[in-house]
Amino acid sequence: MRRTLMTLAVVLASSLPALAQGTPPANPDAKTPAVNSPNTTANPGAPVAGANSFTEGQAKSQIESKGFTAVTALKKDEAGVWRGQAQQSGKSVAVSVDFQGNVVAK
């Protein structure tokens, strides 16, 4: 019995690296990082649905870092995207921030 368990453990341990090789990368498009820094371009598919760890304050700061002012009414929707209102060039616009940090105005 002990020998069978040891053999099974060795087989499983040796097969794990092979399983990991078949896992696709978290971000297959190197041009759009998983999380944007201030100098990266936004994901063209933004806003992207996903588990968003930004707090409301962080989402507001991200929007303001892109030149928007008077950010209000931020709410996280069911897709994990923060949505609200802001001012841009004196006009009220709908804004959103996804988990990657992409800011989108409409």
PDB file of N, CA and C in Angstrom:
ATOM      1  N   MET A   1       0.825  -1.193   0.000  1.00  0.00           N
ATOM      2  CA  MET A   1       0.000   0.000   0.000  1.00  0.00           C
ATOM      3  C   MET A   1       0.874   1.264   0.000  1.00  0.00           C
ATOM      4  N   ARG A   2       1.888   1.240   0.874  1.00  0.00           N
ATOM      5  CA  ARG A   2       2.776   2.394   0.970  1.00  0.00           C
ATOM      6  C   ARG A   2       3.514   2.612  -0.349  1.00  0.00           C
ATOM      7  N   ARG A   3       3.934   1.526  -0.980  1.00  0.00           N
ATOM      8  CA  ARG A   3       4.656   1.617  -2.239  1.00  0.00           C
ATOM      9  C   ARG A   3       3.750   2.186  -3.338  1.00  0.00           C
ATOM     10  N   THR A   4       2.497   1.798  -3.346  1.00  0.00           N
ATOM     11  CA  THR A   4       1.535   2.313  -4.322  1.00  0.00           C
ATOM     12  C   THR A   4       1.341   3.812  -4.149  1.00  0.00           C
ATOM     13  N   LEU A   5       1.230   4.261  -2.907  1.00  0.00           N
ATOM     14  CA  LEU A   5       1.071   5.697  -2.647  1.00  0.00           C
ATOM     15  C   LEU A   5       2.307   6.479  -3.073  1.00  0.00           C
ATOM     16  N   MET A   6       3.467   5.938  -2.804  1.00  0.00           N
ATOM     17  CA  MET A   6       4.699   6.616  -3.203  1.00  0.00           C
ATOM     18  C   MET A   6       4.797   6.710  -4.727  1.00  0.00           C
ATOM     19  N   THR A   7       4.432   5.641  -5.413  1.00  0.00           N
ATOM     20  CA  THR A   7       4.456   5.646  -6.877  1.00  0.00           C
ATOM     21  C   THR A   7       3.478   6.683  -7.419  1.00  0.00           C
ATOM     22  N   LEU A   8       2.300   6.726  -6.836  1.00  0.00           N
ATOM     23  CA  LEU A   8       1.300   7.711  -7.254  1.00  0.00           C
ATOM     24  C   LEU A   8       1.796   9.133  -7.026  1.00  0.00           C
ATOM     25  N   ALA A   9       2.439   9.381  -5.894  1.00  0.00           N
ATOM     26  CA  ALA A   9       2.972  10.709  -5.589  1.00  0.00           C
ATOM     27  C   ALA A   9       4.038  11.117  -6.596  1.00  0.00           C
ATOM     28  N   VAL A  10       4.907  10.184  -6.978  1.00  0.00           N
ATOM     29  CA  VAL A  10       5.961  10.476  -7.953  1.00  0.00           C
ATOM     30  C   VAL A  10       5.349  10.785  -9.320  1.00  0.00           C
ATOM     31  N   VAL A  11       4.364  10.017  -9.726  1.00  0.00           N
ATOM     32  CA  VAL A  11       3.711  10.244 -11.018  1.00  0.00           C
ATOM     33  C   VAL A  11       3.037  11.616 -11.039  1.00  0.00           C
ATOM     34  N   LEU A  12       2.324  11.951  -9.996  1.00  0.00           N
ATOM     35  CA  LEU A  12       1.661  13.255  -9.937  1.00  0.00           C
ATOM     36  C   LEU A  12       2.670  14.391  -9.939  1.00  0.00           C
ATOM     37  N   ALA A  13       3.710  14.281  -9.155  1.00  0.00           N
ATOM     38  CA  ALA A  13       4.726  15.330  -9.081  1.00  0.00           C
ATOM     39  C   ALA A  13       5.420  15.539 -10.420  1.00  0.00           C
ATOM     40  N   SER A  14       5.656  14.472 -11.152  1.00  0.00           N
ATOM     41  CA  SER A  14       6.335  14.608 -12.432  1.00  0.00           C
ATOM     42  C   SER A  14       5.416  15.147 -13.525  1.00  0.00           C
ATOM     43  N   SER A  15       4.112  15.036 -13.345  1.00  0.00           N
ATOM     44  CA  SER A  15       3.192  15.506 -14.376  1.00  0.00           C
ATOM     45  C   SER A  15       2.774  16.956 -14.180  1.00  0.00           C
ATOM     46  N   LEU A  16       2.985  17.530 -13.018  1.00  0.00           N
ATOM     47  CA  LEU A  16       2.575  18.915 -12.779  1.00  0.00           C
ATOM     48  C   LEU A  16       3.246  19.914 -13.704  1.00  0.00           C
ATOM     49  N   PRO A  17       4.568  19.847 -13.931  1.00  0.00           N
ATOM     50  CA  PRO A  17       5.167  20.798 -14.877  1.00  0.00           C
ATOM     51  C   PRO A  17       4.556  20.713 -16.269  1.00  0.00           C
ATOM     52  N   ALA A  18       4.196  19.530 -16.710  1.00  0.00           N
ATOM     53  CA  ALA A  18       3.589  19.376 -18.033  1.00  0.00           C
ATOM     54  C   ALA A  18       2.227  20.037 -18.077  1.00  0.00           C
ATOM     55  N   LEU A  19       1.472  19.947 -17.004  1.00  0.00           N
ATOM     56  CA  LEU A  19       0.167  20.610 -16.958  1.00  0.00           C
ATOM     57  C   LEU A  19       0.316  22.118 -16.986  1.00  0.00           C
ATOM     58  N   ALA A  20       1.318  22.641 -16.286  1.00  0.00           N
ATOM     59  CA  ALA A  20       1.523  24.087 -16.228  1.00  0.00           C
ATOM     60  C   ALA A  20       1.889  24.653 -17.590  1.00  0.00           C
ATOM     61  N   GLN A  21       2.553  23.889 -18.427  1.00  0.00           N
ATOM     62  CA  GLN A  21       2.944  24.372 -19.745  1.00  0.00           C
ATOM     63  C   GLN A  21       1.749  24.652 -20.635  1.00  0.00           C
ATOM     64  N   GLY A  22       0.634  23.983 -20.399  1.00  0.00           N
ATOM     65  CA  GLY A  22      -0.549  24.191 -21.211  1.00  0.00           C
ATOM     66  C   GLY A  22      -1.389  25.368 -20.765  1.00  0.00           C
ATOM     67  N   THR A  23      -1.021  26.024 -19.671  1.00  0.00           N
ATOM     68  CA  THR A  23      -1.774  27.161 -19.155  1.00  0.00           C
ATOM     69  C   THR A  23      -1.435  28.402 -19.965  1.00  0.00           C
ATOM     70  N   PRO A  24      -2.434  29.078 -20.521  1.00  0.00           N
ATOM     71  CA  PRO A  24      -2.143  30.282 -21.294  1.00  0.00           C
ATOM     72  C   PRO A  24      -1.682  31.410 -20.379  1.00  0.00           C
ATOM     73  N   PRO A  25      -0.923  32.363 -20.890  1.00  0.00           N
ATOM     74  CA  PRO A  25      -0.477  33.475 -20.055  1.00  0.00           C
ATOM     75  C   PRO A  25      -1.661  34.315 -19.599  1.00  0.00           C
ATOM     76  N   ALA A  26      -1.491  34.992 -18.487  1.00  0.00           N
ATOM     77  CA  ALA A  26      -2.557  35.834 -17.954  1.00  0.00           C
ATOM     78  C   ALA A  26      -2.904  36.951 -18.925  1.00  0.00           C
ATOM     79  N   ASN A  27      -1.915  37.444 -19.635  1.00  0.00           N
ATOM     80  CA  ASN A  27      -2.140  38.529 -20.585  1.00  0.00           C
ATOM     81  C   ASN A  27      -1.455  38.173 -21.896  1.00  0.00           C
ATOM     82  N   PRO A  28      -2.175  37.543 -22.827  1.00  0.00           N
ATOM     83  CA  PRO A  28      -1.544  37.125 -24.076  1.00  0.00           C
ATOM     84  C   PRO A  28      -1.133  38.295 -24.979  1.00  0.00           C
ATOM     85  N   ASP A  29      -1.663  39.487 -24.762  1.00  0.00           N
ATOM     86  CA  ASP A  29      -1.330  40.650 -25.581  1.00  0.00           C
ATOM     87  C   ASP A  29      -0.358  41.525 -24.801  1.00  0.00           C
ATOM     88  N   ALA A  30       0.916  41.441 -25.098  1.00  0.00           N
ATOM     89  CA  ALA A  30       1.935  42.168 -24.342  1.00  0.00           C
ATOM     90  C   ALA A  30       1.787  43.675 -24.456  1.00  0.00           C
ATOM     91  N   LYS A  31       1.008  44.143 -25.412  1.00  0.00           N
ATOM     92  CA  LYS A  31       0.825  45.577 -25.580  1.00  0.00           C
ATOM     93  C   LYS A  31      -0.141  46.157 -24.554  1.00  0.00           C
ATOM     94  N   THR A  32      -0.935  45.331 -23.924  1.00  0.00           N
ATOM     95  CA  THR A  32      -1.874  45.809 -22.921  1.00  0.00           C
ATOM     96  C   THR A  32      -1.633  45.056 -21.621  1.00  0.00           C
ATOM     97  N   PRO A  33      -0.891  45.668 -20.689  1.00  0.00           N
ATOM     98  CA  PRO A  33      -0.563  44.987 -19.443  1.00  0.00           C
ATOM     99  C   PRO A  33      -1.802  44.729 -18.600  1.00  0.00           C
ATOM    100  N   ALA A  34      -1.687  43.801 -17.657  1.00  0.00           N
ATOM    101  CA  ALA A  34      -2.815  43.467 -16.791  1.00  0.00           C
ATOM    102  C   ALA A  34      -3.268  44.674 -15.991  1.00  0.00           C
ATOM    103  N   VAL A  35      -2.330  45.493 -15.557  1.00  0.00           N
ATOM    104  CA  VAL A  35      -2.661  46.719 -14.840  1.00  0.00           C
ATOM    105  C   VAL A  35      -1.891  47.845 -15.491  1.00  0.00           C
ATOM    106  N   ASN A  36      -2.583  48.912 -15.862  1.00  0.00           N
ATOM    107  CA  ASN A  36      -1.948  50.033 -16.534  1.00  0.00           C
ATOM    108  C   ASN A  36      -1.229  50.931 -15.550  1.00  0.00           C
ATOM    109  N   SER A  37      -0.068  51.394 -15.937  1.00  0.00           N
ATOM    110  CA  SER A  37       0.628  52.434 -15.200  1.00  0.00           C
ATOM    111  C   SER A  37       0.264  53.749 -15.883  1.00  0.00           C
ATOM    112  N   PRO A  38       0.625  54.880 -15.299  1.00  0.00           N
ATOM    113  CA  PRO A  38       0.231  56.160 -15.907  1.00  0.00           C
ATOM    114  C   PRO A  38       0.684  56.364 -17.341  1.00  0.00           C
ATOM    115  N   ASN A  39       1.756  55.699 -17.776  1.00  0.00           N
ATOM    116  CA  ASN A  39       2.288  55.935 -19.124  1.00  0.00           C
ATOM    117  C   ASN A  39       1.916  54.869 -20.138  1.00  0.00           C
ATOM    118  N   THR A  40       1.061  53.912 -19.785  1.00  0.00           N
ATOM    119  CA  THR A  40       0.682  52.889 -20.749  1.00  0.00           C
ATOM    120  C   THR A  40      -0.593  53.296 -21.469  1.00  0.00           C
ATOM    121  N   THR A  41      -0.757  52.785 -22.668  1.00  0.00           N
ATOM    122  CA  THR A  41      -1.980  53.078 -23.413  1.00  0.00           C
ATOM    123  C   THR A  41      -3.097  52.162 -22.938  1.00  0.00           C
ATOM    124  N   ALA A  42      -4.290  52.648 -23.032  1.00  0.00           N
ATOM    125  CA  ALA A  42      -5.453  51.893 -22.564  1.00  0.00           C
ATOM    126  C   ALA A  42      -5.718  50.691 -23.464  1.00  0.00           C
ATOM    127  N   ASN A  43      -6.287  49.684 -22.877  1.00  0.00           N
ATOM    128  CA  ASN A  43      -6.703  48.502 -23.617  1.00  0.00           C
ATOM    129  C   ASN A  43      -7.797  48.933 -24.584  1.00  0.00           C
ATOM    130  N   PRO A  44      -7.668  48.619 -25.870  1.00  0.00           N
ATOM    131  CA  PRO A  44      -8.689  49.058 -26.834  1.00  0.00           C
ATOM    132  C   PRO A  44     -10.071  48.456 -26.578  1.00  0.00           C
ATOM    133  N   GLY A  45     -10.135  47.389 -25.804  1.00  0.00           N
ATOM    134  CA  GLY A  45     -11.413  46.768 -25.481  1.00  0.00           C
ATOM    135  C   GLY A  45     -11.997  47.267 -24.169  1.00  0.00           C
ATOM    136  N   ALA A  46     -11.428  48.312 -23.606  1.00  0.00           N
ATOM    137  CA  ALA A  46     -11.862  48.829 -22.306  1.00  0.00           C
ATOM    138  C   ALA A  46     -13.246  49.459 -22.394  1.00  0.00           C
ATOM    139  N   PRO A  47     -13.997  49.418 -21.314  1.00  0.00           N
ATOM    140  CA  PRO A  47     -13.641  48.835 -20.030  1.00  0.00           C
ATOM    141  C   PRO A  47     -13.788  47.319 -20.051  1.00  0.00           C
ATOM    142  N   VAL A  48     -12.848  46.661 -19.386  1.00  0.00           N
ATOM    143  CA  VAL A  48     -12.779  45.212 -19.366  1.00  0.00           C
ATOM    144  C   VAL A  48     -13.430  44.687 -18.085  1.00  0.00           C
ATOM    145  N   ALA A  49     -14.331  43.727 -18.230  1.00  0.00           N
ATOM    146  CA  ALA A  49     -14.972  43.132 -17.060  1.00  0.00           C
ATOM    147  C   ALA A  49     -13.962  42.280 -16.311  1.00  0.00           C
ATOM    148  N   GLY A  50     -14.060  42.278 -14.994  1.00  0.00           N
ATOM    149  CA  GLY A  50     -13.173  41.447 -14.184  1.00  0.00           C
ATOM    150  C   GLY A  50     -13.200  41.884 -12.742  1.00  0.00           C
ATOM    151  N   ALA A  51     -12.660  41.057 -11.884  1.00  0.00           N
ATOM    152  CA  ALA A  51     -12.622  41.349 -10.456  1.00  0.00           C
ATOM    153  C   ALA A  51     -11.792  42.601 -10.226  1.00  0.00           C
ATOM    154  N   ASN A  52     -12.422  43.651  -9.759  1.00  0.00           N
ATOM    155  CA  ASN A  52     -11.784  44.946  -9.583  1.00  0.00           C
ATOM    156  C   ASN A  52     -11.445  45.156  -8.119  1.00  0.00           C
ATOM    157  N   SER A  53     -10.158  45.316  -7.817  1.00  0.00           N
ATOM    158  CA  SER A  53      -9.735  45.509  -6.433  1.00  0.00           C
ATOM    159  C   SER A  53      -9.577  46.976  -6.060  1.00  0.00           C
ATOM    160  N   PHE A  54      -9.836  47.891  -7.007  1.00  0.00           N
ATOM    161  CA  PHE A  54      -9.754  49.317  -6.681  1.00  0.00           C
ATOM    162  C   PHE A  54     -10.831  49.688  -5.674  1.00  0.00           C
ATOM    163  N   THR A  55     -10.459  50.518  -4.720  1.00  0.00           N
ATOM    164  CA  THR A  55     -11.462  51.112  -3.846  1.00  0.00           C
ATOM    165  C   THR A  55     -12.086  52.274  -4.600  1.00  0.00           C
ATOM    166  N   GLU A  56     -13.158  52.823  -4.064  1.00  0.00           N
ATOM    167  CA  GLU A  56     -13.786  53.980  -4.712  1.00  0.00           C
ATOM    168  C   GLU A  56     -12.797  55.136  -4.817  1.00  0.00           C
ATOM    169  N   GLY A  57     -12.017  55.365  -3.766  1.00  0.00           N
ATOM    170  CA  GLY A  57     -11.025  56.442  -3.780  1.00  0.00           C
ATOM    171  C   GLY A  57      -9.941  56.231  -4.821  1.00  0.00           C
ATOM    172  N   GLN A  58      -9.495  54.991  -4.974  1.00  0.00           N
ATOM    173  CA  GLN A  58      -8.479  54.687  -5.980  1.00  0.00           C
ATOM    174  C   GLN A  58      -9.040  54.857  -7.389  1.00  0.00           C
ATOM    175  N   ALA A  59     -10.285  54.460  -7.588  1.00  0.00           N
ATOM    176  CA  ALA A  59     -10.924  54.630  -8.899  1.00  0.00           C
ATOM    177  C   ALA A  59     -11.035  56.119  -9.234  1.00  0.00           C
ATOM    178  N   LYS A  60     -11.429  56.908  -8.245  1.00  0.00           N
ATOM    179  CA  LYS A  60     -11.543  58.356  -8.448  1.00  0.00           C
ATOM    180  C   LYS A  60     -10.180  58.954  -8.784  1.00  0.00           C
ATOM    181  N   SER A  61      -9.142  58.544  -8.075  1.00  0.00           N
ATOM    182  CA  SER A  61      -7.793  59.048  -8.350  1.00  0.00           C
ATOM    183  C   SER A  61      -7.321  58.665  -9.748  1.00  0.00           C
ATOM    184  N   GLN A  62      -7.648  57.460 -10.173  1.00  0.00           N
ATOM    185  CA  GLN A  62      -7.267  57.009 -11.516  1.00  0.00           C
ATOM    186  C   GLN A  62      -7.942  57.880 -12.574  1.00  0.00           C
ATOM    187  N   ILE A  63      -9.209  58.189 -12.372  1.00  0.00           N
ATOM    188  CA  ILE A  63      -9.943  59.044 -13.318  1.00  0.00           C
ATOM    189  C   ILE A  63      -9.335  60.438 -13.335  1.00  0.00           C
ATOM    190  N   GLU A  64      -9.060  60.978 -12.155  1.00  0.00           N
ATOM    191  CA  GLU A  64      -8.478  62.330 -12.058  1.00  0.00           C
ATOM    192  C   GLU A  64      -7.089  62.388 -12.686  1.00  0.00           C
ATOM    193  N   SER A  65      -6.339  61.285 -12.608  1.00  0.00           N
ATOM    194  CA  SER A  65      -4.996  61.264 -13.200  1.00  0.00           C
ATOM    195  C   SER A  65      -5.039  61.391 -14.720  1.00  0.00           C
ATOM    196  N   LYS A  66      -6.200  61.137 -15.307  1.00  0.00           N
ATOM    197  CA  LYS A  66      -6.370  61.262 -16.756  1.00  0.00           C
ATOM    198  C   LYS A  66      -6.943  62.627 -17.147  1.00  0.00           C
ATOM    199  N   GLY A  67      -7.002  63.562 -16.183  1.00  0.00           N
ATOM    200  CA  GLY A  67      -7.407  64.929 -16.492  1.00  0.00           C
ATOM    201  C   GLY A  67      -8.857  65.264 -16.233  1.00  0.00           C
ATOM    202  N   PHE A  68      -9.632  64.357 -15.676  1.00  0.00           N
ATOM    203  CA  PHE A  68     -11.034  64.623 -15.366  1.00  0.00           C
ATOM    204  C   PHE A  68     -11.134  65.305 -14.013  1.00  0.00           C
ATOM    205  N   THR A  69     -12.186  66.093 -13.838  1.00  0.00           N
ATOM    206  CA  THR A  69     -12.426  66.777 -12.566  1.00  0.00           C
ATOM    207  C   THR A  69     -13.844  66.481 -12.109  1.00  0.00           C
ATOM    208  N   ALA A  70     -14.153  66.889 -10.896  1.00  0.00           N
ATOM    209  CA  ALA A  70     -15.492  66.758 -10.327  1.00  0.00           C
ATOM    210  C   ALA A  70     -16.061  65.351 -10.510  1.00  0.00           C
ATOM    211  N   VAL A  71     -15.292  64.353 -10.130  1.00  0.00           N
ATOM    212  CA  VAL A  71     -15.719  62.953 -10.264  1.00  0.00           C
ATOM    213  C   VAL A  71     -16.759  62.652  -9.183  1.00  0.00           C
ATOM    214  N   THR A  72     -17.934  62.174  -9.601  1.00  0.00           N
ATOM    215  CA  THR A  72     -19.015  61.902  -8.650  1.00  0.00           C
ATOM    216  C   THR A  72     -19.737  60.607  -9.009  1.00  0.00           C
ATOM    217  N   ALA A  73     -20.570  60.167  -8.087  1.00  0.00           N
ATOM    218  CA  ALA A  73     -21.502  59.046  -8.272  1.00  0.00           C
ATOM    219  C   ALA A  73     -20.823  57.752  -8.717  1.00  0.00           C
ATOM    220  N   LEU A  74     -19.634  57.457  -8.190  1.00  0.00           N
ATOM    221  CA  LEU A  74     -18.952  56.219  -8.576  1.00  0.00           C
ATOM    222  C   LEU A  74     -19.615  55.022  -7.916  1.00  0.00           C
ATOM    223  N   LYS A  75     -19.934  54.037  -8.735  1.00  0.00           N
ATOM    224  CA  LYS A  75     -20.525  52.783  -8.274  1.00  0.00           C
ATOM    225  C   LYS A  75     -19.878  51.660  -9.064  1.00  0.00           C
ATOM    226  N   LYS A  76     -19.574  50.550  -8.384  1.00  0.00           N
ATOM    227  CA  LYS A  76     -19.016  49.390  -9.081  1.00  0.00           C
ATOM    228  C   LYS A  76     -20.175  48.542  -9.585  1.00  0.00           C
ATOM    229  N   ASP A  77     -20.189  48.250 -10.895  1.00  0.00           N
ATOM    230  CA  ASP A  77     -21.287  47.460 -11.469  1.00  0.00           C
ATOM    231  C   ASP A  77     -21.025  45.963 -11.329  1.00  0.00           C
ATOM    232  N   GLU A  78     -21.941  45.151 -11.829  1.00  0.00           N
ATOM    233  CA  GLU A  78     -21.850  43.697 -11.690  1.00  0.00           C
ATOM    234  C   GLU A  78     -20.670  43.091 -12.458  1.00  0.00           C
ATOM    235  N   ALA A  79     -20.106  43.841 -13.411  1.00  0.00           N
ATOM    236  CA  ALA A  79     -18.949  43.369 -14.174  1.00  0.00           C
ATOM    237  C   ALA A  79     -17.629  43.771 -13.512  1.00  0.00           C
ATOM    238  N   GLY A  80     -17.705  44.483 -12.370  1.00  0.00           N
ATOM    239  CA  GLY A  80     -16.506  44.920 -11.672  1.00  0.00           C
ATOM    240  C   GLY A  80     -15.944  46.229 -12.184  1.00  0.00           C
ATOM    241  N   VAL A  81     -16.706  46.969 -12.971  1.00  0.00           N
ATOM    242  CA  VAL A  81     -16.257  48.240 -13.539  1.00  0.00           C
ATOM    243  C   VAL A  81     -16.837  49.389 -12.711  1.00  0.00           C
ATOM    244  N   TRP A  82     -15.953  50.300 -12.294  1.00  0.00           N
ATOM    245  CA  TRP A  82     -16.420  51.503 -11.599  1.00  0.00           C
ATOM    246  C   TRP A  82     -16.982  52.468 -12.640  1.00  0.00           C
ATOM    247  N   ARG A  83     -18.178  52.984 -12.408  1.00  0.00           N
ATOM    248  CA  ARG A  83     -18.826  53.933 -13.330  1.00  0.00           C
ATOM    249  C   ARG A  83     -19.320  55.141 -12.566  1.00  0.00           C
ATOM    250  N   GLY A  84     -19.212  56.309 -13.200  1.00  0.00           N
ATOM    251  CA  GLY A  84     -19.668  57.536 -12.561  1.00  0.00           C
ATOM    252  C   GLY A  84     -19.715  58.679 -13.553  1.00  0.00           C
ATOM    253  N   GLN A  85     -19.730  59.880 -13.012  1.00  0.00           N
ATOM    254  CA  GLN A  85     -19.770  61.099 -13.820  1.00  0.00           C
ATOM    255  C   GLN A  85     -18.544  61.943 -13.501  1.00  0.00           C
ATOM    256  N   ALA A  86     -18.102  62.733 -14.489  1.00  0.00           N
ATOM    257  CA  ALA A  86     -16.964  63.628 -14.290  1.00  0.00           C
ATOM    258  C   ALA A  86     -17.076  64.791 -15.266  1.00  0.00           C
ATOM    259  N   GLN A  87     -16.237  65.773 -15.073  1.00  0.00           N
ATOM    260  CA  GLN A  87     -16.161  66.924 -15.971  1.00  0.00           C
ATOM    261  C   GLN A  87     -14.906  66.811 -16.824  1.00  0.00           C
ATOM    262  N   GLN A  88     -15.065  67.097 -18.112  1.00  0.00           N
ATOM    263  CA  GLN A  88     -13.932  67.120 -19.043  1.00  0.00           C
ATOM    264  C   GLN A  88     -14.155  68.279 -19.989  1.00  0.00           C
ATOM    265  N   SER A  89     -13.236  69.230 -19.982  1.00  0.00           N
ATOM    266  CA  SER A  89     -13.343  70.417 -20.837  1.00  0.00           C
ATOM    267  C   SER A  89     -14.682  71.125 -20.625  1.00  0.00           C
ATOM    268  N   GLY A  90     -15.128  71.193 -19.379  1.00  0.00           N
ATOM    269  CA  GLY A  90     -16.361  71.899 -19.047  1.00  0.00           C
ATOM    270  C   GLY A  90     -17.637  71.132 -19.336  1.00  0.00           C
ATOM    271  N   LYS A  91     -17.536  69.902 -19.788  1.00  0.00           N
ATOM    272  CA  LYS A  91     -18.722  69.113 -20.106  1.00  0.00           C
ATOM    273  C   LYS A  91     -18.816  67.919 -19.170  1.00  0.00           C
ATOM    274  N   SER A  92     -20.037  67.534 -18.832  1.00  0.00           N
ATOM    275  CA  SER A  92     -20.264  66.354 -18.014  1.00  0.00           C
ATOM    276  C   SER A  92     -20.197  65.111 -18.896  1.00  0.00           C
ATOM    277  N   VAL A  93     -19.410  64.120 -18.475  1.00  0.00           N
ATOM    278  CA  VAL A  93     -19.272  62.884 -19.240  1.00  0.00           C
ATOM    279  C   VAL A  93     -19.405  61.687 -18.303  1.00  0.00           C
ATOM    280  N   ALA A  94     -19.850  60.581 -18.854  1.00  0.00           N
ATOM    281  CA  ALA A  94     -19.865  59.319 -18.112  1.00  0.00           C
ATOM    282  C   ALA A  94     -18.460  58.737 -18.191  1.00  0.00           C
ATOM    283  N   VAL A  95     -17.941  58.291 -17.052  1.00  0.00           N
ATOM    284  CA  VAL A  95     -16.603  57.710 -17.012  1.00  0.00           C
ATOM    285  C   VAL A  95     -16.649  56.321 -16.390  1.00  0.00           C
ATOM    286  N   SER A  96     -15.641  55.514 -16.727  1.00  0.00           N
ATOM    287  CA  SER A  96     -15.538  54.189 -16.123  1.00  0.00           C
ATOM    288  C   SER A  96     -14.072  53.838 -15.940  1.00  0.00           C
ATOM    289  N   VAL A  97     -13.818  52.966 -14.955  1.00  0.00           N
ATOM    290  CA  VAL A  97     -12.478  52.455 -14.687  1.00  0.00           C
ATOM    291  C   VAL A  97     -12.605  50.951 -14.494  1.00  0.00           C
ATOM    292  N   ASP A  98     -11.820  50.189 -15.266  1.00  0.00           N
ATOM    293  CA  ASP A  98     -11.867  48.738 -15.120  1.00  0.00           C
ATOM    294  C   ASP A  98     -10.719  48.255 -14.236  1.00  0.00           C
ATOM    295  N   PHE A  99     -10.630  46.951 -14.040  1.00  0.00           N
ATOM    296  CA  PHE A  99      -9.620  46.387 -13.144  1.00  0.00           C
ATOM    297  C   PHE A  99      -8.196  46.598 -13.640  1.00  0.00           C
ATOM    298  N   GLN A 100      -8.009  46.893 -14.930  1.00  0.00           N
ATOM    299  CA  GLN A 100      -6.695  47.151 -15.483  1.00  0.00           C
ATOM    300  C   GLN A 100      -6.267  48.604 -15.274  1.00  0.00           C
ATOM    301  N   GLY A 101      -7.200  49.438 -14.842  1.00  0.00           N
ATOM    302  CA  GLY A 101      -6.905  50.854 -14.678  1.00  0.00           C
ATOM    303  C   GLY A 101      -7.240  51.683 -15.900  1.00  0.00           C
ATOM    304  N   ASN A 102      -7.883  51.076 -16.896  1.00  0.00           N
ATOM    305  CA  ASN A 102      -8.290  51.815 -18.092  1.00  0.00           C
ATOM    306  C   ASN A 102      -9.412  52.783 -17.729  1.00  0.00           C
ATOM    307  N   VAL A 103      -9.263  54.024 -18.129  1.00  0.00           N
ATOM    308  CA  VAL A 103     -10.290  55.044 -17.932  1.00  0.00           C
ATOM    309  C   VAL A 103     -10.945  55.307 -19.291  1.00  0.00           C
ATOM    310  N   VAL A 104     -12.261  55.211 -19.321  1.00  0.00           N
ATOM    311  CA  VAL A 104     -13.005  55.413 -20.560  1.00  0.00           C
ATOM    312  C   VAL A 104     -14.075  56.469 -20.306  1.00  0.00           C
ATOM    313  N   ALA A 105     -14.202  57.424 -21.225  1.00  0.00           N
ATOM    314  CA  ALA A 105     -15.231  58.461 -21.134  1.00  0.00           C
ATOM    315  C   ALA A 105     -16.161  58.348 -22.323  1.00  0.00           C
ATOM    316  N   LYS A 106     -17.450  58.574 -22.061  1.00  0.00           N
ATOM    317  CA  LYS A 106     -18.444  58.559 -23.150  1.00  0.00           C
ATOM    318  C   LYS A 106     -19.320  59.768 -23.037  1.00  0.00           C
TER     319      LYS A 106
END
